[in-house]
């Protein structure tokens, strides 16, 4: 009897944890990369960091599944307290390339790189990612801060 009860409890816990993890489906990780553009690198190869430094900003997403993904909705702010978005854009999962607004989208297997553009003095970026499936289901937001 105790063995059956423990098995049932383990099954219920597994189902509960699995459903919690699917709130951010199918994203394993998301990070923001900021790199000074060429004009802001010193002669010694070090970045010249100041309020006027222009940074190239990219979002890197690692997925554990690529099935049924339709769109990525992305928002970027200079920091968490800034209520004005630097960029808000939806990227179609099947349309890779460089776009006229300075953004880009590329993927290689389970890795996605979204180029968000060049921005001045972005030292502590705040980003939000939402995944939409082909059936219209929307994930919980994933926040980078």
N, C-alpha and C. Protein backbone atom coordinates (compact mmCIF):
# COMPACT_ATOMS: atom_id res chain seq x y z
N UNK A 1 0.81 -1.20 0.00
CA UNK A 1 0.00 0.00 0.00
C UNK A 1 0.86 1.26 0.00
N UNK A 2 1.88 1.30 0.86
CA UNK A 2 2.74 2.47 0.91
C UNK A 2 3.47 2.68 -0.41
N UNK A 3 3.86 1.60 -1.04
CA UNK A 3 4.57 1.69 -2.32
C UNK A 3 3.68 2.32 -3.39
N UNK A 4 2.43 1.96 -3.43
CA UNK A 4 1.48 2.53 -4.40
C UNK A 4 1.26 4.01 -4.10
N UNK A 5 1.13 4.36 -2.84
CA UNK A 5 0.91 5.76 -2.46
C UNK A 5 2.12 6.61 -2.85
N UNK A 6 3.34 6.12 -2.59
CA UNK A 6 4.55 6.86 -2.96
C UNK A 6 4.66 7.00 -4.48
N UNK A 7 4.33 5.96 -5.20
CA UNK A 7 4.36 6.02 -6.67
C UNK A 7 3.38 7.06 -7.19
N UNK A 8 2.18 7.08 -6.63
CA UNK A 8 1.17 8.05 -7.04
C UNK A 8 1.63 9.48 -6.76
N UNK A 9 2.23 9.69 -5.61
CA UNK A 9 2.74 11.01 -5.25
C UNK A 9 3.84 11.45 -6.22
N UNK A 10 4.76 10.54 -6.55
CA UNK A 10 5.82 10.87 -7.49
C UNK A 10 5.26 11.21 -8.87
N UNK A 11 4.27 10.47 -9.31
CA UNK A 11 3.65 10.74 -10.62
C UNK A 11 2.99 12.11 -10.60
N UNK A 12 2.26 12.43 -9.55
CA UNK A 12 1.61 13.74 -9.46
C UNK A 12 2.62 14.88 -9.42
N UNK A 13 3.74 14.69 -8.69
CA UNK A 13 4.78 15.71 -8.66
C UNK A 13 5.41 15.90 -10.03
N UNK A 14 5.66 14.78 -10.74
CA UNK A 14 6.24 14.87 -12.07
C UNK A 14 5.32 15.65 -13.00
N UNK A 15 4.04 15.37 -12.97
CA UNK A 15 3.07 16.06 -13.82
C UNK A 15 3.04 17.55 -13.47
N UNK A 16 3.09 17.86 -12.18
CA UNK A 16 3.07 19.26 -11.75
C UNK A 16 4.31 20.01 -12.22
N UNK A 17 5.52 19.41 -12.04
CA UNK A 17 6.75 20.05 -12.47
C UNK A 17 6.80 20.20 -13.98
N UNK A 18 6.34 19.19 -14.70
CA UNK A 18 6.35 19.24 -16.16
C UNK A 18 5.46 20.39 -16.66
N UNK A 19 4.32 20.56 -16.05
CA UNK A 19 3.43 21.64 -16.51
C UNK A 19 3.99 23.01 -16.15
N UNK A 20 4.69 23.12 -15.01
CA UNK A 20 5.32 24.40 -14.66
C UNK A 20 6.41 24.76 -15.65
N UNK A 21 7.21 23.78 -16.05
CA UNK A 21 8.31 24.04 -16.97
C UNK A 21 7.81 24.43 -18.35
N UNK A 22 6.62 24.03 -18.71
CA UNK A 22 6.11 24.34 -20.03
C UNK A 22 5.56 25.75 -20.14
N UNK A 23 5.57 26.52 -19.06
CA UNK A 23 5.11 27.89 -19.12
C UNK A 23 5.98 28.74 -20.04
N UNK A 24 7.27 28.38 -20.18
CA UNK A 24 8.20 29.11 -21.04
C UNK A 24 8.54 28.31 -22.29
N UNK A 25 7.68 27.39 -22.65
CA UNK A 25 7.97 26.45 -23.74
C UNK A 25 8.47 27.16 -24.96
N UNK A 26 9.22 26.60 -25.79
CA UNK A 26 10.19 25.52 -25.57
C UNK A 26 11.58 26.08 -25.34
N UNK A 27 11.67 27.15 -24.56
CA UNK A 27 12.92 27.89 -24.36
C UNK A 27 13.70 27.31 -23.18
N UNK A 28 14.96 26.97 -23.44
CA UNK A 28 15.87 26.56 -22.36
C UNK A 28 16.50 27.78 -21.73
N UNK A 29 16.98 28.70 -22.57
CA UNK A 29 17.60 29.92 -22.04
C UNK A 29 17.46 31.07 -23.03
N UNK A 30 17.57 32.27 -22.48
CA UNK A 30 17.55 33.50 -23.27
C UNK A 30 18.53 34.46 -22.61
N UNK A 31 19.37 35.08 -23.42
CA UNK A 31 20.30 36.07 -22.90
C UNK A 31 20.44 37.23 -23.87
N UNK A 32 20.90 38.35 -23.36
CA UNK A 32 21.13 39.53 -24.18
C UNK A 32 22.64 39.75 -24.26
N UNK A 33 23.12 39.97 -25.48
CA UNK A 33 24.54 40.23 -25.71
C UNK A 33 24.68 41.67 -26.20
N UNK A 34 25.53 42.44 -25.54
CA UNK A 34 25.80 43.81 -25.96
C UNK A 34 27.28 43.92 -26.28
N UNK A 35 27.59 44.37 -27.48
CA UNK A 35 28.98 44.48 -27.92
C UNK A 35 29.16 45.87 -28.54
N UNK A 36 30.19 46.61 -28.12
CA UNK A 36 30.44 47.91 -28.75
C UNK A 36 30.72 47.74 -30.24
N UNK A 37 30.17 48.61 -31.06
CA UNK A 37 30.43 48.54 -32.50
C UNK A 37 31.84 49.02 -32.78
N UNK A 38 32.33 48.79 -33.99
CA UNK A 38 33.74 49.02 -34.33
C UNK A 38 34.28 50.39 -33.97
N UNK A 39 33.52 51.43 -34.15
CA UNK A 39 34.01 52.78 -33.86
C UNK A 39 34.26 53.04 -32.39
N UNK A 40 33.84 52.15 -31.53
CA UNK A 40 33.98 52.34 -30.08
C UNK A 40 34.94 51.33 -29.47
N UNK A 41 35.92 50.90 -30.25
CA UNK A 41 36.97 50.01 -29.78
C UNK A 41 38.27 50.80 -29.83
N UNK A 42 39.05 50.76 -28.74
CA UNK A 42 40.31 51.51 -28.69
C UNK A 42 41.36 50.83 -29.57
N UNK A 43 42.49 51.49 -29.76
CA UNK A 43 43.57 50.94 -30.59
C UNK A 43 44.16 49.67 -29.97
N UNK A 44 43.96 49.48 -28.66
CA UNK A 44 44.46 48.27 -28.01
C UNK A 44 43.44 47.12 -28.06
N UNK A 45 42.29 47.38 -28.70
CA UNK A 45 41.28 46.33 -28.83
C UNK A 45 40.27 46.29 -27.69
N UNK A 46 40.41 47.21 -26.74
CA UNK A 46 39.48 47.26 -25.62
C UNK A 46 38.28 48.15 -25.96
N UNK A 47 37.10 47.83 -25.42
CA UNK A 47 35.94 48.69 -25.69
C UNK A 47 36.08 50.04 -24.99
N UNK A 48 35.64 51.08 -25.67
CA UNK A 48 35.63 52.44 -25.12
C UNK A 48 34.22 52.67 -24.56
N UNK A 49 34.02 52.42 -23.27
CA UNK A 49 32.70 52.44 -22.66
C UNK A 49 32.41 53.83 -22.06
N UNK A 50 31.33 54.44 -22.54
CA UNK A 50 30.86 55.71 -21.98
C UNK A 50 29.37 55.82 -22.30
N UNK A 51 28.77 56.94 -21.90
CA UNK A 51 27.34 57.16 -22.19
C UNK A 51 27.06 57.28 -23.68
N UNK A 52 28.10 57.55 -24.46
CA UNK A 52 27.90 57.71 -25.90
C UNK A 52 28.35 56.48 -26.70
N UNK A 53 28.70 55.40 -26.01
CA UNK A 53 29.11 54.18 -26.70
C UNK A 53 27.91 53.55 -27.41
N UNK A 54 28.12 53.20 -28.66
CA UNK A 54 27.08 52.54 -29.45
C UNK A 54 27.26 51.03 -29.35
N UNK A 55 26.22 50.35 -28.87
CA UNK A 55 26.27 48.90 -28.69
C UNK A 55 25.39 48.18 -29.70
N UNK A 56 25.92 47.10 -30.24
CA UNK A 56 25.12 46.17 -31.03
C UNK A 56 24.46 45.23 -30.02
N UNK A 57 23.12 45.09 -30.10
CA UNK A 57 22.39 44.27 -29.13
C UNK A 57 21.77 43.08 -29.84
N UNK A 58 22.04 41.89 -29.30
CA UNK A 58 21.47 40.65 -29.83
C UNK A 58 20.85 39.83 -28.71
N UNK A 59 19.79 39.12 -29.05
CA UNK A 59 19.15 38.18 -28.12
C UNK A 59 19.48 36.77 -28.59
N UNK A 60 20.01 35.96 -27.70
CA UNK A 60 20.33 34.57 -28.01
C UNK A 60 19.35 33.67 -27.27
N UNK A 61 18.68 32.80 -28.02
CA UNK A 61 17.68 31.90 -27.46
C UNK A 61 18.10 30.47 -27.75
N UNK A 62 18.08 29.63 -26.74
CA UNK A 62 18.35 28.20 -26.91
C UNK A 62 17.03 27.46 -26.68
N UNK A 63 16.65 26.63 -27.64
CA UNK A 63 15.38 25.89 -27.60
C UNK A 63 15.65 24.41 -27.35
N UNK A 64 14.67 23.73 -26.77
CA UNK A 64 14.76 22.28 -26.69
C UNK A 64 13.84 21.62 -27.71
N UNK A 65 13.04 22.41 -28.42
CA UNK A 65 12.14 21.89 -29.44
C UNK A 65 11.84 23.02 -30.42
N UNK A 66 11.74 22.70 -31.69
CA UNK A 66 11.43 23.72 -32.69
C UNK A 66 10.07 23.49 -33.35
N UNK A 67 9.37 22.44 -32.94
CA UNK A 67 8.07 22.14 -33.53
C UNK A 67 7.01 23.14 -33.05
N UNK A 68 6.14 23.53 -33.94
CA UNK A 68 4.96 24.35 -33.64
C UNK A 68 5.27 25.76 -33.17
N UNK A 69 6.49 26.26 -33.37
CA UNK A 69 6.78 27.65 -33.03
C UNK A 69 6.34 28.52 -34.20
N UNK A 70 5.61 29.57 -33.91
CA UNK A 70 5.14 30.48 -34.95
C UNK A 70 5.90 31.81 -34.90
N UNK A 71 5.93 32.43 -33.72
CA UNK A 71 6.51 33.77 -33.59
C UNK A 71 7.25 33.93 -32.27
N UNK A 72 8.20 34.88 -32.28
CA UNK A 72 8.83 35.39 -31.07
C UNK A 72 8.46 36.86 -30.98
N UNK A 73 7.89 37.27 -29.85
CA UNK A 73 7.64 38.70 -29.61
C UNK A 73 8.71 39.18 -28.64
N UNK A 74 9.41 40.24 -29.02
CA UNK A 74 10.57 40.72 -28.28
C UNK A 74 10.37 42.18 -27.91
N UNK A 75 10.74 42.52 -26.68
CA UNK A 75 10.79 43.92 -26.24
C UNK A 75 12.15 44.18 -25.62
N UNK A 76 12.68 45.37 -25.83
CA UNK A 76 13.96 45.76 -25.26
C UNK A 76 13.84 47.15 -24.68
N UNK A 77 14.32 47.32 -23.44
CA UNK A 77 14.37 48.61 -22.76
C UNK A 77 15.80 48.85 -22.29
N UNK A 78 16.13 50.12 -22.02
CA UNK A 78 17.48 50.41 -21.53
C UNK A 78 17.71 49.84 -20.14
N UNK A 79 16.67 49.79 -19.32
CA UNK A 79 16.75 49.16 -18.00
C UNK A 79 15.33 48.84 -17.54
N UNK A 80 15.21 48.19 -16.39
CA UNK A 80 13.91 47.74 -15.91
C UNK A 80 12.97 48.89 -15.55
N UNK A 81 13.52 50.04 -15.15
CA UNK A 81 12.67 51.15 -14.72
C UNK A 81 12.19 52.01 -15.90
N UNK A 82 12.78 51.84 -17.05
CA UNK A 82 12.44 52.64 -18.23
C UNK A 82 11.14 52.12 -18.83
N UNK A 83 10.12 52.96 -18.88
CA UNK A 83 8.82 52.51 -19.38
C UNK A 83 8.71 52.61 -20.90
N UNK A 84 9.70 53.19 -21.56
CA UNK A 84 9.67 53.33 -23.01
C UNK A 84 10.50 52.22 -23.64
N UNK A 85 9.89 51.45 -24.54
CA UNK A 85 10.61 50.39 -25.22
C UNK A 85 11.54 50.97 -26.28
N UNK A 86 12.76 50.44 -26.36
CA UNK A 86 13.65 50.79 -27.46
C UNK A 86 13.16 50.10 -28.73
N UNK A 87 12.66 48.88 -28.56
CA UNK A 87 12.13 48.14 -29.69
C UNK A 87 11.10 47.14 -29.19
N UNK A 88 10.03 46.99 -29.94
CA UNK A 88 9.04 45.94 -29.74
C UNK A 88 8.76 45.39 -31.13
N UNK A 89 9.01 44.10 -31.30
CA UNK A 89 8.85 43.51 -32.63
C UNK A 89 8.51 42.04 -32.51
N UNK A 90 7.72 41.57 -33.45
CA UNK A 90 7.40 40.15 -33.57
C UNK A 90 8.17 39.58 -34.74
N UNK A 91 8.90 38.50 -34.49
CA UNK A 91 9.69 37.83 -35.51
C UNK A 91 9.03 36.51 -35.86
N UNK A 92 8.81 36.28 -37.15
CA UNK A 92 8.26 35.02 -37.63
C UNK A 92 9.36 33.97 -37.60
N UNK A 93 9.06 32.81 -37.03
CA UNK A 93 10.07 31.77 -36.82
C UNK A 93 10.63 31.22 -38.13
N UNK A 94 9.91 31.34 -39.20
CA UNK A 94 10.35 30.75 -40.47
C UNK A 94 10.98 31.77 -41.42
N UNK A 95 11.05 33.05 -41.03
CA UNK A 95 11.57 34.08 -41.93
C UNK A 95 12.89 34.65 -41.39
N UNK A 96 13.99 34.04 -41.81
CA UNK A 96 15.31 34.50 -41.41
C UNK A 96 15.77 35.61 -42.34
N UNK A 97 16.66 36.45 -41.84
CA UNK A 97 17.25 37.48 -42.69
C UNK A 97 17.52 38.76 -41.96
N UNK A 98 18.01 39.75 -42.71
CA UNK A 98 18.24 41.10 -42.21
C UNK A 98 17.09 41.96 -42.69
N UNK A 99 16.56 42.79 -41.79
CA UNK A 99 15.37 43.57 -42.11
C UNK A 99 15.71 45.05 -42.20
N UNK A 100 14.84 45.80 -42.90
CA UNK A 100 15.08 47.22 -43.17
C UNK A 100 15.17 48.07 -41.91
N UNK A 101 14.55 47.61 -40.81
CA UNK A 101 14.57 48.41 -39.58
C UNK A 101 15.82 48.19 -38.74
N UNK A 102 16.82 47.46 -39.27
CA UNK A 102 18.07 47.23 -38.55
C UNK A 102 18.08 45.99 -37.70
N UNK A 103 16.99 45.23 -37.69
CA UNK A 103 16.93 43.98 -36.93
C UNK A 103 17.29 42.81 -37.85
N UNK A 104 17.52 41.66 -37.23
CA UNK A 104 17.81 40.45 -38.00
C UNK A 104 17.32 39.23 -37.23
N UNK A 105 17.15 38.14 -37.96
CA UNK A 105 16.70 36.88 -37.36
C UNK A 105 17.43 35.74 -38.06
N UNK A 106 18.11 34.92 -37.27
CA UNK A 106 18.75 33.74 -37.84
C UNK A 106 18.69 32.61 -36.83
N UNK A 107 18.65 31.40 -37.36
CA UNK A 107 18.65 30.24 -36.46
C UNK A 107 19.46 29.13 -37.07
N UNK A 108 20.03 28.34 -36.18
CA UNK A 108 20.82 27.19 -36.56
C UNK A 108 20.45 26.07 -35.60
N UNK A 109 19.60 25.16 -36.05
CA UNK A 109 19.13 24.09 -35.18
C UNK A 109 18.31 24.64 -34.05
N UNK A 110 18.78 24.45 -32.82
CA UNK A 110 18.05 24.88 -31.63
C UNK A 110 18.51 26.24 -31.10
N UNK A 111 19.38 26.91 -31.83
CA UNK A 111 19.87 28.22 -31.42
C UNK A 111 19.28 29.30 -32.33
N UNK A 112 18.77 30.36 -31.71
CA UNK A 112 18.20 31.50 -32.44
C UNK A 112 18.94 32.76 -32.00
N UNK A 113 19.36 33.55 -32.98
CA UNK A 113 19.98 34.85 -32.69
C UNK A 113 19.11 35.92 -33.33
N UNK A 114 18.63 36.84 -32.51
CA UNK A 114 17.82 37.95 -32.99
C UNK A 114 18.62 39.23 -32.80
N UNK A 115 18.97 39.87 -33.91
CA UNK A 115 19.65 41.16 -33.85
C UNK A 115 18.62 42.25 -33.60
N UNK A 116 18.79 42.99 -32.51
CA UNK A 116 17.81 43.99 -32.12
C UNK A 116 18.19 45.40 -32.58
N UNK A 117 19.42 45.58 -33.03
CA UNK A 117 19.84 46.88 -33.52
C UNK A 117 21.00 47.45 -32.71
N UNK A 118 21.35 48.70 -33.01
CA UNK A 118 22.42 49.42 -32.32
C UNK A 118 21.81 50.51 -31.45
N UNK A 119 22.29 50.58 -30.19
CA UNK A 119 21.72 51.53 -29.24
C UNK A 119 22.82 52.19 -28.43
N UNK A 120 22.60 53.46 -28.05
CA UNK A 120 23.57 54.20 -27.24
C UNK A 120 23.47 53.84 -25.77
N UNK A 121 24.61 53.68 -25.12
CA UNK A 121 24.70 53.57 -23.67
C UNK A 121 23.77 52.58 -23.01
N UNK A 122 23.62 51.40 -23.54
CA UNK A 122 22.73 50.40 -22.95
C UNK A 122 23.57 49.47 -22.08
N UNK A 123 23.65 49.80 -20.78
CA UNK A 123 24.54 49.09 -19.87
C UNK A 123 23.85 47.95 -19.11
N UNK A 124 22.59 48.10 -18.80
CA UNK A 124 21.85 47.09 -18.04
C UNK A 124 20.52 46.83 -18.76
N UNK A 125 20.56 46.17 -19.91
CA UNK A 125 19.33 46.04 -20.71
C UNK A 125 18.28 45.18 -20.02
N UNK A 126 17.05 45.51 -20.30
CA UNK A 126 15.88 44.76 -19.84
C UNK A 126 15.21 44.23 -21.10
N UNK A 127 14.99 42.92 -21.17
CA UNK A 127 14.37 42.35 -22.36
C UNK A 127 13.28 41.37 -21.94
N UNK A 128 12.31 41.24 -22.84
CA UNK A 128 11.19 40.34 -22.61
C UNK A 128 10.98 39.52 -23.89
N UNK A 129 10.75 38.23 -23.72
CA UNK A 129 10.51 37.32 -24.84
C UNK A 129 9.24 36.54 -24.59
N UNK A 130 8.37 36.48 -25.60
CA UNK A 130 7.15 35.67 -25.55
C UNK A 130 7.14 34.80 -26.80
N UNK A 131 6.82 33.52 -26.63
CA UNK A 131 6.76 32.58 -27.74
C UNK A 131 5.31 32.29 -28.06
N UNK A 132 4.98 32.31 -29.35
CA UNK A 132 3.64 31.96 -29.79
C UNK A 132 3.73 30.71 -30.66
N UNK A 133 2.83 29.73 -30.42
CA UNK A 133 2.82 28.51 -31.20
C UNK A 133 1.92 28.66 -32.42
N UNK A 134 1.98 27.67 -33.30
CA UNK A 134 1.15 27.68 -34.50
C UNK A 134 -0.33 27.53 -34.17
N UNK A 135 -0.64 27.07 -32.96
CA UNK A 135 -2.04 26.95 -32.53
C UNK A 135 -2.52 28.17 -31.77
N UNK A 136 -1.66 29.19 -31.65
CA UNK A 136 -2.06 30.44 -31.00
C UNK A 136 -1.80 30.49 -29.50
N UNK A 137 -1.21 29.44 -28.93
CA UNK A 137 -0.88 29.44 -27.51
C UNK A 137 0.32 30.35 -27.28
N UNK A 138 0.23 31.18 -26.24
CA UNK A 138 1.29 32.15 -25.94
C UNK A 138 1.94 31.77 -24.61
N UNK A 139 3.27 31.76 -24.61
CA UNK A 139 4.02 31.39 -23.41
C UNK A 139 3.97 32.50 -22.37
N UNK A 140 4.36 32.15 -21.16
CA UNK A 140 4.62 33.16 -20.14
C UNK A 140 5.82 33.98 -20.61
N UNK A 141 5.90 35.26 -20.24
CA UNK A 141 7.05 36.05 -20.66
C UNK A 141 8.34 35.58 -19.96
N UNK A 142 9.41 35.60 -20.72
CA UNK A 142 10.74 35.31 -20.19
C UNK A 142 11.44 36.67 -20.11
N UNK A 143 11.96 36.99 -18.94
CA UNK A 143 12.54 38.32 -18.72
C UNK A 143 14.03 38.23 -18.48
N UNK A 144 14.76 39.09 -19.14
CA UNK A 144 16.20 39.24 -18.91
C UNK A 144 16.42 40.61 -18.29
N UNK A 145 17.13 40.62 -17.15
CA UNK A 145 17.38 41.88 -16.49
C UNK A 145 18.71 41.81 -15.75
